[in-house]
C-alpha atoms as a PDB file:
ATOM      1  CA  MET A   1     -11.227 -23.336-213.109  1.00  0.00           C
ATOM      2  CA  ILE A   2     -12.654 -26.460-214.889  1.00  0.00           C
ATOM      3  CA  ALA A   3     -16.045 -26.917-216.424  1.00  0.00           C
ATOM      4  CA  ILE A   4     -18.042 -30.167-216.477  1.00  0.00           C
ATOM      5  CA  ILE A   5     -20.699 -30.800-219.122  1.00  0.00           C
ATOM      6  CA  PRO A   6     -22.954 -33.676-217.904  1.00  0.00           C
ATOM      7  CA  VAL A   7     -24.787 -35.863-220.475  1.00  0.00           C
ATOM      8  CA  LYS A   8     -27.402 -38.186-219.352  1.00  0.00           C
ATOM      9  CA  LEU A   9     -29.916 -40.323-220.971  1.00  0.00           C
ATOM     10  CA  SER A  10     -32.771 -38.150-221.762  1.00  0.00           C
ATOM     11  CA  GLU A  11     -36.178 -39.634-221.016  1.00  0.00           C
ATOM     12  CA  ARG A  12     -38.267 -37.101-222.897  1.00  0.00           C
ATOM     13  CA  LEU A  13     -36.095 -36.738-225.962  1.00  0.00           C
ATOM     14  CA  PRO A  14     -33.678 -39.697-226.325  1.00  0.00           C
ATOM     15  CA  GLY A  15     -30.492 -38.868-228.201  1.00  0.00           C
ATOM     16  CA  LYS A  16     -30.907 -35.159-227.816  1.00  0.00           C
ATOM     17  CA  HIS A  17     -27.320 -34.397-227.284  1.00  0.00           C
ATOM     18  CA  LEU A  18     -26.410 -35.793-230.603  1.00  0.00           C
ATOM     19  CA  MET A  19     -29.382 -34.262-232.578  1.00  0.00           C
ATOM     20  CA  LYS A  20     -27.955 -31.739-235.049  1.00  0.00           C
ATOM     21  CA  ILE A  21     -28.528 -27.985-235.338  1.00  0.00           C
ATOM     22  CA  GLY A  22     -26.696 -26.000-237.972  1.00  0.00           C
ATOM     23  CA  GLY A  23     -24.837 -29.204-238.978  1.00  0.00           C
ATOM     24  CA  LYS A  24     -23.449 -29.989-235.638  1.00  0.00           C
ATOM     25  CA  ALA A  25     -24.630 -32.026-232.686  1.00  0.00           C
ATOM     26  CA  ILE A  26     -25.879 -30.084-229.818  1.00  0.00           C
ATOM     27  CA  ILE A  27     -23.074 -31.413-227.499  1.00  0.00           C
ATOM     28  CA  GLU A  28     -20.522 -30.255-229.982  1.00  0.00           C
ATOM     29  CA  HIS A  29     -21.865 -26.593-230.016  1.00  0.00           C
ATOM     30  CA  VAL A  30     -21.714 -26.672-226.184  1.00  0.00           C
ATOM     31  CA  TYR A  31     -18.284 -28.349-225.986  1.00  0.00           C
ATOM     32  CA  GLU A  32     -16.611 -25.922-228.525  1.00  0.00           C
ATOM     33  CA  LYS A  33     -17.828 -22.823-226.472  1.00  0.00           C
ATOM     34  CA  VAL A  34     -17.069 -24.024-223.053  1.00  0.00           C
ATOM     35  CA  SER A  35     -13.594 -25.344-223.891  1.00  0.00           C
ATOM     36  CA  GLY A  36     -12.773 -21.939-225.240  1.00  0.00           C
ATOM     37  CA  VAL A  37     -13.041 -20.476-221.712  1.00  0.00           C
ATOM     38  CA  PHE A  38     -12.561 -23.387-219.295  1.00  0.00           C
ATOM     39  CA  GLU A  39     -10.587 -26.575-219.205  1.00  0.00           C
ATOM     40  CA  THR A  40     -13.515 -28.939-219.947  1.00  0.00           C
ATOM     41  CA  TYR A  41     -14.600 -32.476-219.258  1.00  0.00           C
ATOM     42  CA  ILE A  42     -17.663 -34.115-220.436  1.00  0.00           C
ATOM     43  CA  TYR A  43     -19.152 -36.690-218.012  1.00  0.00           C
ATOM     44  CA  SER A  44     -21.524 -38.816-220.047  1.00  0.00           C
ATOM     45  CA  LYS A  45     -23.896 -41.816-219.909  1.00  0.00           C
ATOM     46  CA  VAL A  46     -24.093 -42.150-223.562  1.00  0.00           C
ATOM     47  CA  ASP A  47     -21.264 -42.699-226.233  1.00  0.00           C
ATOM     48  CA  LEU A  48     -20.437 -39.334-227.850  1.00  0.00           C
ATOM     49  CA  PRO A  49     -18.251 -38.328-230.869  1.00  0.00           C
ATOM     50  CA  LEU A  50     -16.119 -36.264-228.390  1.00  0.00           C
ATOM     51  CA  PRO A  51     -13.726 -37.365-225.510  1.00  0.00           C
ATOM     52  CA  PHE A  52     -15.760 -38.063-222.411  1.00  0.00           C
ATOM     53  CA  ILE A  53     -15.501 -39.653-219.085  1.00  0.00           C
ATOM     54  CA  ALA A  54     -18.055 -42.329-218.203  1.00  0.00           C
ATOM     55  CA  ASP A  55     -20.612 -41.155-215.683  1.00  0.00           C
ATOM     56  CA  ASN A  56     -21.464 -43.887-213.253  1.00  0.00           C
ATOM     57  CA  SER A  57     -23.444 -41.848-210.882  1.00  0.00           C
ATOM     58  CA  ASN A  58     -27.110 -42.620-210.126  1.00  0.00           C
ATOM     59  CA  ASN A  59     -28.309 -39.109-210.724  1.00  0.00           C
ATOM     60  CA  ILE A  60     -27.055 -35.556-210.972  1.00  0.00           C
ATOM     61  CA  MET A  61     -26.754 -35.181-207.210  1.00  0.00           C
ATOM     62  CA  GLY A  62     -24.366 -38.114-207.089  1.00  0.00           C
ATOM     63  CA  LEU A  63     -22.448 -36.618-209.911  1.00  0.00           C
ATOM     64  CA  VAL A  64     -22.172 -33.220-208.411  1.00  0.00           C
ATOM     65  CA  SER A  65     -21.055 -34.826-205.015  1.00  0.00           C
ATOM     66  CA  THR A  66     -18.335 -36.878-206.903  1.00  0.00           C
ATOM     67  CA  LEU A  67     -17.088 -33.916-208.741  1.00  0.00           C
ATOM     68  CA  ARG A  68     -16.905 -31.743-205.644  1.00  0.00           C
ATOM     69  CA  ASP A  69     -14.927 -34.303-203.954  1.00  0.00           C
ATOM     70  CA  LYS A  70     -12.578 -34.769-206.981  1.00  0.00           C
ATOM     71  CA  TYR A  71     -12.159 -31.191-208.135  1.00  0.00           C
ATOM     72  CA  GLY A  72     -13.344 -28.972-205.247  1.00  0.00           C
ATOM     73  CA  SER A  73     -14.782 -26.186-207.462  1.00  0.00           C
ATOM     74  CA  PHE A  74     -16.159 -26.452-210.974  1.00  0.00           C
ATOM     75  CA  ALA A  75     -18.554 -24.842-213.377  1.00  0.00           C
ATOM     76  CA  LEU A  76     -21.448 -27.039-214.344  1.00  0.00           C
ATOM     77  CA  ILE A  77     -22.807 -26.383-217.797  1.00  0.00           C
ATOM     78  CA  GLY A  78     -25.865 -28.114-219.309  1.00  0.00           C
ATOM     79  CA  GLY A  79     -25.030 -30.337-222.373  1.00  0.00           C
ATOM     80  CA  ASP A  80     -28.351 -29.303-223.929  1.00  0.00           C
ATOM     81  CA  MET A  81     -27.911 -25.441-223.643  1.00  0.00           C
ATOM     82  CA  LEU A  82     -26.342 -24.360-226.816  1.00  0.00           C
ATOM     83  CA  PHE A  83     -27.277 -20.589-227.040  1.00  0.00           C
ATOM     84  CA  PHE A  84     -25.012 -19.180-224.312  1.00  0.00           C
ATOM     85  CA  SER A  85     -22.268 -16.949-225.462  1.00  0.00           C
ATOM     86  CA  ILE A  86     -18.445 -16.924-224.679  1.00  0.00           C
ATOM     87  CA  ASP A  87     -19.241 -13.623-222.953  1.00  0.00           C
ATOM     88  CA  ASP A  88     -21.876 -15.393-220.763  1.00  0.00           C
ATOM     89  CA  LEU A  89     -19.203 -18.042-219.780  1.00  0.00           C
ATOM     90  CA  LYS A  90     -16.750 -15.129-219.080  1.00  0.00           C
ATOM     91  CA  THR A  91     -19.241 -13.442-216.909  1.00  0.00           C
ATOM     92  CA  LEU A  92     -19.766 -16.579-214.856  1.00  0.00           C
ATOM     93  CA  LYS A  93     -16.080 -17.194-214.554  1.00  0.00           C
ATOM     94  CA  ALA A  94     -15.272 -13.554-213.585  1.00  0.00           C
ATOM     95  CA  ALA A  95     -17.629 -13.658-210.660  1.00  0.00           C
ATOM     96  CA  TYR A  96     -15.869 -16.697-209.076  1.00  0.00           C
ATOM     97  CA  SER A  97     -13.746 -15.956-206.014  1.00  0.00           C
ATOM     98  CA  GLY A  98     -13.923 -19.255-204.147  1.00  0.00           C
ATOM     99  CA  ASN A  99     -17.723 -19.265-203.475  1.00  0.00           C
ATOM    100  CA  PRO A 100     -20.576 -20.756-205.534  1.00  0.00           C
ATOM    101  CA  VAL A 101     -21.797 -18.562-208.393  1.00  0.00           C
ATOM    102  CA  VAL A 102     -25.223 -18.690-209.802  1.00  0.00           C
ATOM    103  CA  PRO A 103     -27.404 -16.671-212.175  1.00  0.00           C
ATOM    104  CA  SER A 104     -30.597 -15.628-210.498  1.00  0.00           C
ATOM    105  CA  ASP A 105     -33.587 -13.569-211.128  1.00  0.00           C
ATOM    106  CA  GLY A 106     -33.567 -12.202-207.607  1.00  0.00           C
ATOM    107  CA  GLU A 107     -36.810 -13.902-206.726  1.00  0.00           C
ATOM    108  CA  GLY A 108     -35.616 -17.412-206.130  1.00  0.00           C
ATOM    109  CA  ASP A 109     -35.273 -18.676-209.669  1.00  0.00           C
ATOM    110  CA  TYR A 110     -31.683 -19.991-210.284  1.00  0.00           C
ATOM    111  CA  GLU A 111     -29.981 -21.654-213.101  1.00  0.00           C
ATOM    112  CA  PRO A 112     -28.099 -24.651-211.506  1.00  0.00           C
ATOM    113  CA  MET A 113     -27.055 -26.051-214.971  1.00  0.00           C
ATOM    114  CA  PHE A 114     -24.998 -22.756-215.680  1.00  0.00           C
ATOM    115  CA  SER A 115     -23.305 -22.240-212.349  1.00  0.00           C
ATOM    116  CA  ILE A 116     -20.070 -22.667-210.364  1.00  0.00           C
ATOM    117  CA  TYR A 117     -20.091 -25.025-207.532  1.00  0.00           C
ATOM    118  CA  SER A 118     -17.398 -24.701-204.885  1.00  0.00           C
ATOM    119  CA  GLY A 119     -16.034 -27.141-202.215  1.00  0.00           C
ATOM    120  CA  GLU A 120     -18.419 -25.227-200.012  1.00  0.00           C
ATOM    121  CA  SER A 121     -21.470 -26.435-201.910  1.00  0.00           C
ATOM    122  CA  LYS A 122     -22.992 -29.404-200.188  1.00  0.00           C
ATOM    123  CA  PRO A 123     -25.282 -31.498-202.313  1.00  0.00           C
ATOM    124  CA  THR A 124     -28.527 -32.156-200.500  1.00  0.00           C
ATOM    125  CA  LYS A 125     -31.594 -33.205-202.330  1.00  0.00           C
ATOM    126  CA  ASN A 126     -31.411 -30.967-205.341  1.00  0.00           C
ATOM    127  CA  LEU A 127     -29.030 -28.829-207.270  1.00  0.00           C
ATOM    128  CA  ARG A 128     -30.567 -25.449-206.147  1.00  0.00           C
ATOM    129  CA  GLU A 129     -29.945 -26.419-202.506  1.00  0.00           C
ATOM    130  CA  ALA A 130     -26.399 -27.483-203.276  1.00  0.00           C
ATOM    131  CA  LEU A 131     -25.743 -23.993-204.725  1.00  0.00           C
ATOM    132  CA  ILE A 132     -27.208 -21.833-202.003  1.00  0.00           C
ATOM    133  CA  THR A 133     -24.743 -21.167-199.241  1.00  0.00           C
ATOM    134  CA  GLU A 134     -24.403 -18.071-197.046  1.00  0.00           C
ATOM    135  CA  ASN A 135     -21.550 -16.963-199.483  1.00  0.00           C
ATOM    136  CA  THR A 136     -23.179 -17.664-202.793  1.00  0.00           C
ATOM    137  CA  VAL A 137     -22.536 -15.020-205.428  1.00  0.00           C
ATOM    138  CA  TYR A 138     -25.741 -14.157-207.478  1.00  0.00           C
ATOM    139  CA  ILE A 139     -25.471 -12.773-210.863  1.00  0.00           C
ATOM    140  CA  PRO A 140     -28.606 -11.110-212.342  1.00  0.00           C
ATOM    141  CA  ARG A 141     -30.010 -13.137-215.271  1.00  0.00           C
ATOM    142  CA  LYS A 142     -30.268  -9.896-217.297  1.00  0.00           C
ATOM    143  CA  ASN A 143     -26.405  -9.943-217.349  1.00  0.00           C
ATOM    144  CA  PHE A 144     -26.564 -12.810-219.713  1.00  0.00           C
ATOM    145  CA  SER A 145     -27.639 -13.126-223.305  1.00  0.00           C
ATOM    146  CA  LYS A 146     -31.364 -13.628-224.185  1.00  0.00           C
ATOM    147  CA  TYR A 147     -31.249 -17.376-224.865  1.00  0.00           C
ATOM    148  CA  ALA A 148     -28.377 -18.338-222.554  1.00  0.00           C
ATOM    149  CA  PHE A 149     -30.325 -20.623-220.313  1.00  0.00           C
ATOM    150  CA  PHE A 150     -32.631 -22.211-223.125  1.00  0.00           C
ATOM    151  CA  ASN A 151     -32.303 -25.984-222.919  1.00  0.00           C
ATOM    152  CA  ILE A 152     -33.747 -28.746-224.976  1.00  0.00           C
ATOM    153  CA  ASN A 153     -35.828 -31.468-223.240  1.00  0.00           C
ATOM    154  CA  THR A 154     -38.658 -32.278-225.782  1.00  0.00           C
ATOM    155  CA  LYS A 155     -39.178 -32.383-229.491  1.00  0.00           C
ATOM    156  CA  SER A 156     -41.001 -28.958-229.269  1.00  0.00           C
ATOM    157  CA  ASP A 157     -37.939 -27.556-227.466  1.00  0.00           C
ATOM    158  CA  PHE A 158     -35.741 -28.854-230.250  1.00  0.00           C
ATOM    159  CA  ASP A 159     -38.054 -27.453-232.966  1.00  0.00           C
ATOM    160  CA  GLN A 160     -37.915 -24.000-231.198  1.00  0.00           C
ATOM    161  CA  ALA A 161     -34.173 -24.258-230.885  1.00  0.00           C
ATOM    162  CA  VAL A 162     -33.811 -24.770-234.677  1.00  0.00           C
ATOM    163  CA  LYS A 163     -35.888 -21.563-235.163  1.00  0.00           C
ATOM    164  CA  ILE A 164     -33.806 -19.607-232.564  1.00  0.00           C
ATOM    165  CA  TYR A 165     -30.599 -20.825-234.198  1.00  0.00           C
ATOM    166  CA  ASP A 166     -31.891 -19.724-237.715  1.00  0.00           C
ATOM    167  CA  ASN A 167     -33.038 -16.364-236.403  1.00  0.00           C
ATOM    168  CA  LEU A 168     -29.610 -15.767-234.693  1.00  0.00           C
ATOM    169  CA  LEU A 169     -27.821 -16.494-238.046  1.00  0.00           C
ATOM    170  CA  LYS A 170     -30.047 -13.927-239.724  1.00  0.00           C
ATOM    171  CA  GLU A 171     -29.706 -11.474-236.888  1.00  0.00           C
ATOM    172  CA  TYR A 172     -25.874 -11.543-236.886  1.00  0.00           C
ATOM    173  CA  LYS A 173     -25.708 -12.148-240.690  1.00  0.00           C
ATOM    174  CA  ILE A 174     -23.896 -15.311-240.300  1.00  0.00           C
ATOM    175  CA  LYS A 175     -23.886 -17.882-243.140  1.00  0.00           C
ATOM    176  CA  LYS A 176     -24.482 -21.474-242.547  1.00  0.00           C
END
């Protein structure tokens, strides 16, 4: 199983993937964790300090369609989600048996940027529809760590992420 980390040009917070938290760029945090569990490729629309494949798609749906055609099944992990744990990735991976896998609250709220897409996933107009097939495996959101799906889209999100990071360091008694 491979994982893809998409990095696009952020309209609300330009350069967010390269912003540093704890002395590392956000994308570096994400890549280090994902590559510890999956064979990992970054598809990016911006230059990065890590190896990446240029993403020439028009939008995320175009990228997912290209990835499905090229790889069949793959995990898609948001490049701006730095608080998931290795255990969260292992939970996602363990649920895969050939069908799409998606964290869900059970009431129609899904996490398409922390999911496994299969060859069965047919991109339509949005990622949620691409994940939902008759054989989709749903994992309750409560099975993942508290901040697993926190993503950074605005300056306010970034400021909150810095606070979360500092609090997690204190909680787990980790030194910077």
